[in-house]
Amino acid sequence: CTVYDLLDASRHEVEVIKCESCPARFEQFAGPDLGSLGLYNSNNHRILTHRLLNGFSSSFTRIATPFSAYVEVRAREYSESRSPIPFMSVEVFMNCWFGFVRLQHNAHAFACALCGPDPKVIIADGISAGFDLKNVRASLRPPTVVDD
């Protein structure tokens, strides 16, 4: 597998076991949960450090950095540090990041200092609150929807 960090990537081996629930023709394998080591196992072939993924989250939520810009910066850093493995594409990074954030439990990560975690009114600029169309799921709803 390839482990991606902020400045470079390196190849490692990861132990997997055959998934007993999957049909044999698919040959799916279950890999380790590396979260306690600060690593996100995307697909047993790509492992990303939490530092790398959280770095994008910070840039995205604070200065509205798009995926393409973050990936370009990482690619330049990889080149400058002479990484033996180039950084991944925008599409691959997006898929990894969305997989990572689906595992996060940030119920009150953006609480207002004055109003607390549940303000009566939320104003969003649509930049960091937006989702790419291919990542839309049935559970994703606009903040203007009122549940009964």
Foldseek 3Di string as FASTA:
>chain_A
DWEDEQQAIDDDAWDWAFDPPDDPVVRAIDTDCCVVVQWHDQRNGYIYGVNLLVVVVCCCVPVNDDLQNSLVVSQVSNVVVVHVDGGDDSVVVVSSSVVVVVPDDCQQVPADPPQGRDDPDDDDPCRSVPDDPVPDDPPDDDPVDDDD
